[in-house]
Amino acid sequence: QVQLVESGGGLVQDGGSLRLSCAASGRTFTGDVMGWFRQTPGKGREFVAAISGSGRNTRYADSVKGRFTISRDSAKNTGYLQMNSLKPEDTAVYYCAAYYNVLGVLSQDEDDFDYWGQGTQVTVSS
């Protein structure tokens, strides 16, 4: 059974940092694109970042470019989202997601992602 489990969320002050982790299990995810989305109450999921299976290609939302870094460790079957210079508007539930694409085509459309974690809360206080 394929499972994605996020961890690392929490409460941080404006300008602080957090690192989210996404542990995948059930099979190897080296051929999958991994991504992060976020959602606030009353809004749909917003694309944050994605990374190819090889780790060579990445894509970011304009709102996080230069502050967030997505990465992955294939040996651990784990993805990461390093979040620096956090702002109150980054407050959301963050979701890890994945879909199989050996060519590494990086979608930012949530409908393309087949596997989802349960989400982890990130709160940035002003």
Foldseek 3Di string as FASTA:
>chain_A
DWAWAKDWADEAAQQAKIKMKIQIDDDQCLQKKKFKWWDDPPDDIFGAKIAGSVRPDMDGDPVQPPFWDKGADRVRSMIMIIGGSDHQVVWTWMKMFMDGHNVRDDDRDPVRTDHIHPTDTHGYHD
